[in-house]
Amino acid sequence: MLINIGFGSMVSSGRIISIVSPESAPLKRIVQEAKDEKRAIDATFGRRTRSVIMMDSGHVILSAVQPETIASRLNNNQIDLEKGEC
């Protein structure tokens, strides 16, 4: 199942490990390391980074959508799957 992370960008919900805010110093270091190692995917389209999505592949995805919004979309898709609506 794909989750919209903003501006038409989608990620596989089954591969998401965590969705976090980029404000803390440790997260900023993780993002910088991912950029240096070419594991970062910038899906902000030039806007401010509001969430960092950690994937099971080691990739780090930057999104301009709030973490709560992405989590809500993820939860809504899980509920739809349980109901058999997808």
N, C-alpha and C. Protein backbone atom coordinates (compact mmCIF):
# COMPACT_ATOMS: atom_id res chain seq x y z
N MET A 1 0.85 -1.17 0.00
CA MET A 1 0.00 0.00 0.00
C MET A 1 0.90 1.24 0.00
N LEU A 2 0.57 2.19 -0.83
CA LEU A 2 1.34 3.43 -0.92
C LEU A 2 0.67 4.53 -0.08
N ILE A 3 1.50 5.34 0.55
CA ILE A 3 1.04 6.45 1.37
C ILE A 3 1.51 7.75 0.73
N ASN A 4 0.61 8.72 0.62
CA ASN A 4 0.95 10.03 0.08
C ASN A 4 1.72 10.80 1.15
N ILE A 5 2.93 11.25 0.80
CA ILE A 5 3.74 12.03 1.74
C ILE A 5 3.82 13.49 1.33
N GLY A 6 2.96 13.87 0.39
CA GLY A 6 2.89 15.26 -0.02
C GLY A 6 3.30 15.51 -1.44
N PHE A 7 2.56 16.38 -2.11
CA PHE A 7 2.86 16.85 -3.46
C PHE A 7 2.98 15.71 -4.46
N GLY A 8 2.15 14.70 -4.30
CA GLY A 8 2.11 13.58 -5.24
C GLY A 8 3.16 12.52 -5.01
N SER A 9 3.98 12.66 -3.98
CA SER A 9 5.00 11.66 -3.68
C SER A 9 4.40 10.57 -2.81
N MET A 10 4.78 9.34 -3.09
CA MET A 10 4.23 8.19 -2.37
C MET A 10 5.36 7.29 -1.88
N VAL A 11 5.14 6.63 -0.74
CA VAL A 11 6.09 5.64 -0.24
C VAL A 11 5.31 4.39 0.15
N SER A 12 6.00 3.27 0.15
CA SER A 12 5.40 2.01 0.54
C SER A 12 5.21 1.97 2.05
N SER A 13 3.97 1.80 2.50
CA SER A 13 3.69 1.84 3.93
C SER A 13 4.32 0.65 4.66
N GLY A 14 4.49 -0.46 3.99
CA GLY A 14 5.06 -1.63 4.63
C GLY A 14 6.55 -1.52 4.89
N ARG A 15 7.19 -0.53 4.33
CA ARG A 15 8.64 -0.37 4.49
C ARG A 15 9.02 0.76 5.44
N ILE A 16 8.02 1.46 5.97
CA ILE A 16 8.27 2.56 6.90
C ILE A 16 8.61 2.01 8.28
N ILE A 17 9.72 2.49 8.84
CA ILE A 17 10.09 2.13 10.20
C ILE A 17 9.58 3.18 11.18
N SER A 18 9.80 4.46 10.84
CA SER A 18 9.34 5.53 11.73
C SER A 18 9.12 6.82 10.95
N ILE A 19 8.29 7.67 11.54
CA ILE A 19 8.01 9.01 11.00
C ILE A 19 8.26 9.97 12.15
N VAL A 20 9.26 10.84 12.00
CA VAL A 20 9.67 11.70 13.11
C VAL A 20 9.83 13.15 12.66
N SER A 21 9.84 14.04 13.64
CA SER A 21 10.09 15.45 13.39
C SER A 21 11.59 15.67 13.26
N PRO A 22 12.03 16.56 12.37
CA PRO A 22 13.46 16.76 12.14
C PRO A 22 14.13 17.77 13.06
N GLU A 23 13.48 18.16 14.14
CA GLU A 23 13.95 19.28 14.96
C GLU A 23 15.13 18.96 15.86
N SER A 24 15.29 17.72 16.31
CA SER A 24 16.35 17.42 17.28
C SER A 24 17.71 17.32 16.60
N ALA A 25 18.75 17.56 17.38
CA ALA A 25 20.12 17.49 16.86
C ALA A 25 20.47 16.08 16.35
N PRO A 26 20.08 15.01 17.06
CA PRO A 26 20.40 13.67 16.54
C PRO A 26 19.75 13.40 15.18
N LEU A 27 18.52 13.88 15.00
CA LEU A 27 17.86 13.68 13.71
C LEU A 27 18.54 14.49 12.62
N LYS A 28 18.97 15.67 12.95
CA LYS A 28 19.69 16.50 11.97
C LYS A 28 20.98 15.80 11.54
N ARG A 29 21.66 15.15 12.49
CA ARG A 29 22.88 14.40 12.15
C ARG A 29 22.55 13.20 11.26
N ILE A 30 21.48 12.49 11.58
CA ILE A 30 21.07 11.33 10.77
C ILE A 30 20.76 11.77 9.35
N VAL A 31 20.04 12.88 9.20
CA VAL A 31 19.70 13.38 7.87
C VAL A 31 20.96 13.79 7.12
N GLN A 32 21.89 14.47 7.79
CA GLN A 32 23.12 14.89 7.13
C GLN A 32 23.95 13.69 6.71
N GLU A 33 24.03 12.68 7.55
CA GLU A 33 24.77 11.46 7.20
C GLU A 33 24.13 10.78 5.98
N ALA A 34 22.80 10.73 5.97
CA ALA A 34 22.10 10.11 4.84
C ALA A 34 22.36 10.89 3.55
N LYS A 35 22.39 12.22 3.65
CA LYS A 35 22.70 13.04 2.46
C LYS A 35 24.12 12.77 1.98
N ASP A 36 25.05 12.69 2.91
CA ASP A 36 26.45 12.45 2.56
C ASP A 36 26.64 11.08 1.90
N GLU A 37 25.86 10.10 2.36
CA GLU A 37 25.96 8.73 1.85
C GLU A 37 24.99 8.46 0.69
N LYS A 38 24.31 9.50 0.21
CA LYS A 38 23.36 9.38 -0.91
C LYS A 38 22.20 8.44 -0.59
N ARG A 39 21.75 8.44 0.68
CA ARG A 39 20.60 7.64 1.10
C ARG A 39 19.38 8.50 1.39
N ALA A 40 19.53 9.82 1.22
CA ALA A 40 18.44 10.74 1.51
C ALA A 40 17.63 11.02 0.24
N ILE A 41 16.32 11.04 0.40
CA ILE A 41 15.42 11.37 -0.71
C ILE A 41 14.63 12.60 -0.27
N ASP A 42 14.82 13.70 -0.99
CA ASP A 42 14.16 14.95 -0.64
C ASP A 42 12.86 15.07 -1.42
N ALA A 43 11.74 14.89 -0.70
CA ALA A 43 10.42 15.00 -1.32
C ALA A 43 9.70 16.26 -0.83
N THR A 44 10.47 17.29 -0.47
CA THR A 44 9.87 18.52 0.05
C THR A 44 9.49 19.50 -1.04
N PHE A 45 10.03 19.32 -2.24
CA PHE A 45 9.78 20.23 -3.36
C PHE A 45 10.10 21.66 -3.00
N GLY A 46 11.24 21.85 -2.30
CA GLY A 46 11.72 23.18 -1.96
C GLY A 46 11.10 23.79 -0.73
N ARG A 47 10.23 23.07 -0.08
CA ARG A 47 9.59 23.61 1.13
C ARG A 47 10.36 23.16 2.36
N ARG A 48 9.94 23.67 3.50
CA ARG A 48 10.59 23.33 4.76
C ARG A 48 10.34 21.87 5.11
N THR A 49 11.37 21.17 5.60
CA THR A 49 11.23 19.78 6.01
C THR A 49 10.48 19.73 7.33
N ARG A 50 9.36 19.03 7.35
CA ARG A 50 8.55 18.92 8.56
C ARG A 50 8.54 17.51 9.12
N SER A 51 8.92 16.53 8.30
CA SER A 51 9.00 15.17 8.81
C SER A 51 10.10 14.40 8.11
N VAL A 52 10.64 13.44 8.84
CA VAL A 52 11.67 12.55 8.33
C VAL A 52 11.12 11.14 8.43
N ILE A 53 11.11 10.43 7.31
CA ILE A 53 10.58 9.07 7.27
C ILE A 53 11.77 8.12 7.13
N MET A 54 11.91 7.24 8.10
CA MET A 54 12.99 6.25 8.09
C MET A 54 12.44 4.96 7.46
N MET A 55 13.16 4.47 6.47
CA MET A 55 12.73 3.27 5.75
C MET A 55 13.58 2.07 6.15
N ASP A 56 13.04 0.87 5.95
CA ASP A 56 13.78 -0.34 6.32
C ASP A 56 14.99 -0.58 5.43
N SER A 57 15.07 0.10 4.31
CA SER A 57 16.21 -0.04 3.40
C SER A 57 17.39 0.84 3.82
N GLY A 58 17.19 1.67 4.85
CA GLY A 58 18.22 2.59 5.29
C GLY A 58 18.07 3.97 4.68
N HIS A 59 17.13 4.13 3.76
CA HIS A 59 16.90 5.44 3.16
C HIS A 59 16.16 6.34 4.14
N VAL A 60 16.41 7.63 3.99
CA VAL A 60 15.76 8.65 4.80
C VAL A 60 15.02 9.57 3.84
N ILE A 61 13.72 9.70 4.04
CA ILE A 61 12.89 10.52 3.15
C ILE A 61 12.46 11.78 3.88
N LEU A 62 12.69 12.92 3.24
CA LEU A 62 12.31 14.21 3.82
C LEU A 62 10.99 14.64 3.20
N SER A 63 10.06 15.06 4.04
CA SER A 63 8.74 15.47 3.56
C SER A 63 8.36 16.82 4.17
N ALA A 64 7.56 17.59 3.44
CA ALA A 64 7.08 18.88 3.91
C ALA A 64 5.75 18.75 4.65
N VAL A 65 5.29 17.52 4.85
CA VAL A 65 4.02 17.27 5.54
C VAL A 65 4.33 16.91 7.00
N GLN A 66 3.48 17.35 7.92
CA GLN A 66 3.66 17.07 9.34
C GLN A 66 3.65 15.56 9.62
N PRO A 67 4.45 15.08 10.58
CA PRO A 67 4.45 13.66 10.90
C PRO A 67 3.07 13.14 11.31
N GLU A 68 2.30 13.96 12.02
CA GLU A 68 0.97 13.55 12.45
C GLU A 68 0.05 13.29 11.26
N THR A 69 0.19 14.10 10.21
CA THR A 69 -0.63 13.94 9.01
C THR A 69 -0.28 12.64 8.30
N ILE A 70 1.00 12.35 8.17
CA ILE A 70 1.43 11.12 7.50
C ILE A 70 0.98 9.91 8.33
N ALA A 71 1.14 9.99 9.65
CA ALA A 71 0.71 8.89 10.52
C ALA A 71 -0.79 8.66 10.41
N SER A 72 -1.55 9.73 10.32
CA SER A 72 -3.00 9.61 10.17
C SER A 72 -3.35 8.91 8.85
N ARG A 73 -2.66 9.27 7.78
CA ARG A 73 -2.90 8.62 6.49
C ARG A 73 -2.54 7.15 6.55
N LEU A 74 -1.46 6.85 7.25
CA LEU A 74 -1.04 5.46 7.42
C LEU A 74 -2.08 4.68 8.20
N ASN A 75 -2.57 5.26 9.28
CA ASN A 75 -3.60 4.60 10.10
C ASN A 75 -4.90 4.42 9.32
N ASN A 76 -5.29 5.43 8.55
CA ASN A 76 -6.51 5.31 7.75
C ASN A 76 -6.40 4.20 6.73
N ASN A 77 -5.23 4.04 6.12
CA ASN A 77 -5.04 2.96 5.14
C ASN A 77 -5.06 1.60 5.83
N GLN A 78 -4.54 1.51 7.06
CA GLN A 78 -4.57 0.25 7.79
C GLN A 78 -6.01 -0.12 8.13
N ILE A 79 -6.82 0.87 8.50
CA ILE A 79 -8.23 0.61 8.81
C ILE A 79 -8.96 0.15 7.54
N ASP A 80 -8.68 0.79 6.40
CA ASP A 80 -9.30 0.39 5.14
C ASP A 80 -8.92 -1.03 4.78
N LEU A 81 -7.66 -1.41 5.01
CA LEU A 81 -7.22 -2.77 4.71
C LEU A 81 -7.96 -3.78 5.57
N GLU A 82 -8.15 -3.45 6.85
CA GLU A 82 -8.85 -4.35 7.75
C GLU A 82 -10.31 -4.53 7.34
N LYS A 83 -10.90 -3.47 6.81
CA LYS A 83 -12.29 -3.54 6.35
C LYS A 83 -12.40 -4.19 4.99
N GLY A 84 -11.26 -4.31 4.29
CA GLY A 84 -11.28 -4.89 2.96
C GLY A 84 -11.71 -3.91 1.88
N GLU A 85 -11.50 -2.63 2.12
CA GLU A 85 -11.95 -1.61 1.18
C GLU A 85 -10.90 -1.22 0.16
N CYS A 86 -9.67 -1.74 0.27
CA CYS A 86 -8.63 -1.38 -0.69
C CYS A 86 -8.38 -2.48 -1.69
